[in-house]
Amino acid sequence: MFVDSHCHLDFPELRDDLPQVLDAMRDGGVTHALCIGVEMGAWPAVHALALGHANLYASVGVHPDYEDLEEPGIGLLVARAHERKVVAIGETGLDYFRRSGDLEWQRARFRTHIRAAREAGRPLVIHTRAAADDTLAIMREERAADAGGVMHCFTETWDVAQRAIDLGFYISFSGIVTFRNATALKDVARQVPLSRMLIETDSPYLAPVPYRGKRNRPAYLPHVGAAVAAAKGIGPAEVEQATSATAERVFTLG
């Protein structure tokens, strides 16, 4: 069994073919998936997926790329986090790659999500891109370690991974780790302890080899697991078992 720790089944690329997507997921040995919230307006659809399928779960949060939205307060995030089958807060974090200028609104939003996660007793799903130092600094300042969680779709250095692990966070690898030019990321996967690792698709994006460039789906998760196993010099079944058990524990699935 595999657990897809991060996907977006509510996005139009997947929701219009959801029965086939879920059938393929089952046939591929992916037994559970966490559907990630990226904005409050679309969150009811994410939650409905979790409520409608025994093997799907939801998170609640606002992605750092989304500007000019009504900001959720701590109270709203906590209330949503306590609803049935909501197991995490996020996707939250910092992204200095797609946004520029005064990004204090991103940092303030990130702090709100961390505080909500601590109050709700839910783990965080953290996105960071071109912002690792600020991300980790805010995590330390806001005591994100009290909530715990995962650095999703990790593409940073081993130093960044190590600092996140020291804060009690897990490192999640996506289809990027299968790419031929992802030599540095494969080396990070080799160094991250298997006990601190998760895997994900981030579907419908970042399809792994041999599907690179196509629409991604949870059924492709075993390819991510195989690439991680190759990087670590272990069998794919070992990655499958360890990451599934970790996902179940971190997100309290089942």
Protein backbone atom coordinates (compact mmCIF):
# COMPACT_ATOMS: atom_id res chain seq x y z
CA MET A 1 0.00 0.00 0.00
CA PHE A 2 1.03 3.60 -0.62
CA VAL A 3 -0.27 6.83 0.90
CA ASP A 4 -0.25 9.93 -1.32
CA SER A 5 0.48 12.62 1.26
CA HIS A 6 -0.33 15.55 -1.05
CA CYS A 7 -2.68 15.82 -4.04
CA HIS A 8 -5.33 18.16 -5.45
CA LEU A 9 -8.23 15.97 -6.55
CA ASP A 10 -10.57 18.97 -6.52
CA PHE A 11 -8.64 20.70 -9.32
CA PRO A 12 -10.45 20.61 -12.69
CA GLU A 13 -7.75 18.44 -14.30
CA LEU A 14 -8.78 15.57 -12.00
CA ARG A 15 -12.24 16.21 -10.62
CA ASP A 16 -13.96 15.78 -14.00
CA ASP A 17 -12.55 12.24 -14.24
CA LEU A 18 -12.66 11.45 -10.53
CA PRO A 19 -14.18 7.92 -10.74
CA GLN A 20 -11.46 6.82 -13.16
CA VAL A 21 -8.77 8.59 -11.12
CA LEU A 22 -9.85 6.79 -7.95
CA ASP A 23 -10.11 3.43 -9.73
CA ALA A 24 -6.58 3.85 -11.09
CA MET A 25 -5.37 4.89 -7.65
CA ARG A 26 -6.78 1.69 -6.13
CA ASP A 27 -5.38 -0.47 -8.91
CA GLY A 28 -1.96 1.13 -8.42
CA GLY A 29 -1.87 0.15 -4.76
CA VAL A 30 -2.38 3.69 -3.43
CA THR A 31 -4.81 3.15 -0.59
CA HIS A 32 -5.15 6.64 0.91
CA ALA A 33 -4.65 10.24 -0.21
CA LEU A 34 -4.62 13.63 1.47
CA CYS A 35 -6.51 16.27 -0.54
CA ILE A 36 -4.90 19.65 0.11
CA GLY A 37 -6.75 22.93 0.58
CA VAL A 38 -5.27 25.98 -1.15
CA GLU A 39 -7.97 28.62 -0.59
CA MET A 40 -11.00 28.98 1.62
CA GLY A 41 -13.49 29.53 -1.20
CA ALA A 42 -12.70 26.15 -2.72
CA TRP A 43 -12.28 24.36 0.59
CA PRO A 44 -15.84 22.95 0.82
CA ALA A 45 -15.16 20.94 -2.34
CA VAL A 46 -11.94 19.56 -0.83
CA HIS A 47 -13.75 18.63 2.36
CA ALA A 48 -16.59 17.04 0.41
CA LEU A 49 -14.10 14.71 -1.28
CA ALA A 50 -12.87 13.54 2.11
CA LEU A 51 -16.38 13.09 3.47
CA GLY A 52 -17.50 11.22 0.37
CA HIS A 53 -14.68 8.66 0.23
CA ALA A 54 -13.44 6.52 3.09
CA ASN A 55 -9.83 6.60 1.89
CA LEU A 56 -9.54 10.37 1.30
CA TYR A 57 -8.69 13.06 3.85
CA ALA A 58 -8.50 16.85 3.74
CA SER A 59 -6.38 19.76 4.89
CA VAL A 60 -7.42 23.39 5.23
CA GLY A 61 -5.37 26.45 4.35
CA VAL A 62 -4.43 29.18 1.88
CA HIS A 63 -1.47 28.72 -0.46
CA PRO A 64 1.26 31.38 -0.32
CA ASP A 65 0.92 32.09 -4.05
CA TYR A 66 -2.66 33.31 -3.70
CA GLU A 67 -2.74 37.06 -3.19
CA ASP A 68 -5.66 39.42 -2.65
CA LEU A 69 -7.86 36.89 -0.90
CA GLU A 70 -9.74 37.36 2.32
CA GLU A 71 -7.29 36.13 4.93
CA PRO A 72 -8.57 33.36 7.22
CA GLY A 73 -8.17 34.09 10.89
CA ILE A 74 -6.89 31.63 13.45
CA GLY A 75 -10.43 30.94 14.67
CA LEU A 76 -11.72 29.96 11.23
CA LEU A 77 -8.77 27.68 10.51
CA VAL A 78 -9.11 25.99 13.89
CA ALA A 79 -12.85 25.49 13.42
CA ARG A 80 -12.37 23.94 9.98
CA ALA A 81 -9.49 21.80 11.25
CA HIS A 82 -11.79 20.25 13.84
CA GLU A 83 -14.32 19.12 11.24
CA ARG A 84 -14.50 15.45 10.39
CA LYS A 85 -11.64 14.00 8.30
CA VAL A 86 -9.62 17.24 8.31
CA VAL A 87 -6.18 16.07 9.36
CA ALA A 88 -3.81 18.99 8.64
CA ILE A 89 -3.47 22.75 8.20
CA GLY A 90 -2.00 24.01 4.96
CA GLU A 91 -0.84 24.27 2.30
CA THR A 92 0.94 27.21 3.82
CA GLY A 93 4.40 28.72 3.76
CA LEU A 94 6.45 31.15 1.68
CA ASP A 95 7.10 31.41 -2.07
CA TYR A 96 9.55 34.06 -3.24
CA PHE A 97 9.91 32.43 -6.67
CA ARG A 98 6.51 33.38 -8.09
CA ARG A 99 5.98 36.55 -6.04
CA SER A 100 8.16 39.61 -5.54
CA GLY A 101 8.04 42.99 -3.83
CA ASP A 102 6.75 43.44 -0.31
CA LEU A 103 5.74 39.92 0.75
CA GLU A 104 4.92 40.67 4.35
CA TRP A 105 1.37 39.47 3.64
CA GLN A 106 2.81 36.01 2.93
CA ARG A 107 4.77 35.95 6.15
CA ALA A 108 1.78 37.15 8.18
CA ARG A 109 -0.43 34.46 6.61
CA PHE A 110 2.17 31.80 7.38
CA ARG A 111 2.31 32.87 11.03
CA THR A 112 -1.48 32.67 11.26
CA HIS A 113 -1.47 29.11 9.93
CA ILE A 114 1.24 28.01 12.35
CA ARG A 115 -0.61 29.50 15.31
CA ALA A 116 -3.82 27.82 14.17
CA ALA A 117 -2.07 24.46 13.81
CA ARG A 118 -0.69 24.71 17.32
CA GLU A 119 -4.11 25.60 18.72
CA ALA A 120 -5.94 22.92 16.74
CA GLY A 121 -3.38 20.20 17.38
CA ARG A 122 -3.00 19.52 13.65
CA PRO A 123 0.21 19.06 11.64
CA LEU A 124 1.29 21.64 9.07
CA VAL A 125 1.74 21.12 5.33
CA ILE A 126 4.48 23.59 4.40
CA HIS A 127 5.37 24.92 0.95
CA THR A 128 8.68 26.75 0.55
CA ARG A 129 10.28 27.94 -2.66
CA ALA A 130 13.25 30.31 -2.89
CA ALA A 131 12.46 31.24 0.73
CA ALA A 132 14.02 28.52 2.88
CA ASP A 133 15.79 30.75 5.40
CA ASP A 134 12.73 32.89 6.09
CA THR A 135 10.50 29.81 6.19
CA LEU A 136 12.64 28.12 8.80
CA ALA A 137 13.08 31.34 10.80
CA ILE A 138 9.32 31.82 11.06
CA MET A 139 8.86 28.16 11.95
CA ARG A 140 11.28 28.61 14.84
CA GLU A 141 9.79 31.94 15.97
CA GLU A 142 6.23 30.61 15.93
CA ARG A 143 7.14 27.27 17.54
CA ALA A 144 5.94 25.23 14.56
CA ALA A 145 7.64 22.23 16.17
CA ASP A 146 4.73 22.14 18.63
CA ALA A 147 2.44 21.24 15.72
CA GLY A 148 4.86 19.28 13.55
CA GLY A 149 4.14 18.42 9.96
CA VAL A 150 5.76 18.04 6.57
CA MET A 151 7.88 20.05 4.14
CA HIS A 152 5.95 19.15 1.01
CA CYS A 153 7.37 18.70 -2.50
CA PHE A 154 10.86 19.20 -1.15
CA THR A 155 13.40 20.65 -3.60
CA GLU A 156 15.87 22.32 -1.22
CA THR A 157 19.33 21.31 -0.03
CA TRP A 158 20.33 18.71 2.54
CA ASP A 159 21.14 21.56 4.96
CA VAL A 160 17.57 22.84 4.72
CA ALA A 161 16.20 19.30 5.12
CA GLN A 162 18.35 18.75 8.18
CA ARG A 163 17.21 21.99 9.80
CA ALA A 164 13.56 21.08 9.16
CA ILE A 165 14.09 17.60 10.58
CA ASP A 166 15.70 19.18 13.65
CA LEU A 167 12.41 21.05 14.13
CA GLY A 168 10.54 17.74 14.07
CA PHE A 169 9.31 17.97 10.47
CA TYR A 170 9.16 15.30 7.80
CA ILE A 171 10.48 15.65 4.24
CA SER A 172 8.17 14.74 1.36
CA PHE A 173 9.42 13.89 -2.13
CA SER A 174 7.35 14.29 -5.29
CA GLY A 175 7.78 13.19 -8.90
CA ILE A 176 10.65 15.66 -9.24
CA VAL A 177 12.91 13.06 -7.62
CA THR A 178 12.39 10.84 -10.69
CA PHE A 179 13.65 13.47 -13.14
CA ARG A 180 16.98 12.74 -14.83
CA ASN A 181 18.39 16.18 -13.97
CA ALA A 182 17.40 15.99 -10.27
CA THR A 183 20.81 14.72 -9.17
CA ALA A 184 21.06 17.01 -6.15
CA LEU A 185 17.56 16.10 -4.97
CA LYS A 186 18.29 12.38 -5.31
CA ASP A 187 21.30 12.95 -3.05
CA VAL A 188 19.05 14.65 -0.48
CA ALA A 189 16.68 11.66 -0.67
CA ARG A 190 19.65 9.39 -0.01
CA GLN A 191 20.51 11.32 3.16
CA VAL A 192 17.05 11.87 4.65
CA PRO A 193 16.36 9.06 7.13
CA LEU A 194 13.59 6.79 5.89
CA SER A 195 11.82 7.34 9.21
CA ARG A 196 11.55 11.10 8.45
CA MET A 197 10.26 10.73 4.89
CA LEU A 198 6.95 10.94 3.06
CA ILE A 199 6.11 10.69 -0.65
CA GLU A 200 3.47 12.48 -2.70
CA THR A 201 2.30 13.20 -6.22
CA ASP A 202 1.20 16.85 -5.90
CA SER A 203 -1.13 15.80 -8.71
CA PRO A 204 -2.27 17.02 -11.17
CA TYR A 205 1.25 18.50 -11.39
CA LEU A 206 4.79 17.09 -11.53
CA ALA A 207 4.06 13.71 -13.04
CA PRO A 208 6.98 11.33 -12.48
CA VAL A 209 9.01 9.62 -15.17
CA PRO A 210 7.77 7.87 -17.35
CA TYR A 211 4.74 10.20 -17.38
CA ARG A 212 6.64 13.49 -17.15
CA GLY A 213 4.78 16.30 -18.90
CA LYS A 214 1.42 14.55 -18.63
CA ARG A 215 -1.39 15.05 -16.12
CA ASN A 216 -0.33 13.54 -12.82
CA ARG A 217 -2.53 11.34 -10.65
CA PRO A 218 -2.19 9.43 -7.36
CA ALA A 219 -1.82 6.13 -9.23
CA TYR A 220 1.68 7.23 -10.27
CA LEU A 221 2.94 7.43 -6.67
CA PRO A 222 4.80 4.06 -6.82
CA HIS A 223 7.19 5.63 -9.35
CA VAL A 224 8.16 8.21 -6.72
CA GLY A 225 8.69 5.47 -4.19
CA ALA A 226 10.87 3.52 -6.62
CA ALA A 227 13.06 6.57 -7.31
CA VAL A 228 13.55 7.19 -3.59
CA ALA A 229 14.39 3.52 -3.09
CA ALA A 230 16.98 3.66 -5.88
CA ALA A 231 18.55 6.78 -4.37
CA LYS A 232 18.82 5.06 -0.98
CA GLY A 233 19.91 1.70 -2.34
CA ILE A 234 17.01 -0.19 -0.76
CA GLY A 235 13.99 -2.07 -2.05
CA PRO A 236 10.82 -0.23 -3.12
CA ALA A 237 8.76 -2.26 -0.64
CA GLU A 238 10.78 -0.80 2.22
CA VAL A 239 9.96 2.74 1.09
CA GLU A 240 6.32 1.78 0.57
CA GLN A 241 5.94 0.35 4.07
CA ALA A 242 7.86 3.07 5.89
CA THR A 243 6.27 6.09 4.19
CA SER A 244 2.77 4.66 4.51
CA ALA A 245 3.23 4.03 8.23
CA THR A 246 4.65 7.52 8.68
CA ALA A 247 1.77 9.17 6.82
CA GLU A 248 -0.76 7.26 8.91
CA ARG A 249 0.99 8.39 12.09
CA VAL A 250 1.63 12.03 11.14
CA PHE A 251 -1.87 12.66 9.83
CA THR A 252 -3.75 10.22 12.11
CA LEU A 253 -5.35 8.36 9.22
CA GLY A 254 -7.69 5.41 9.53
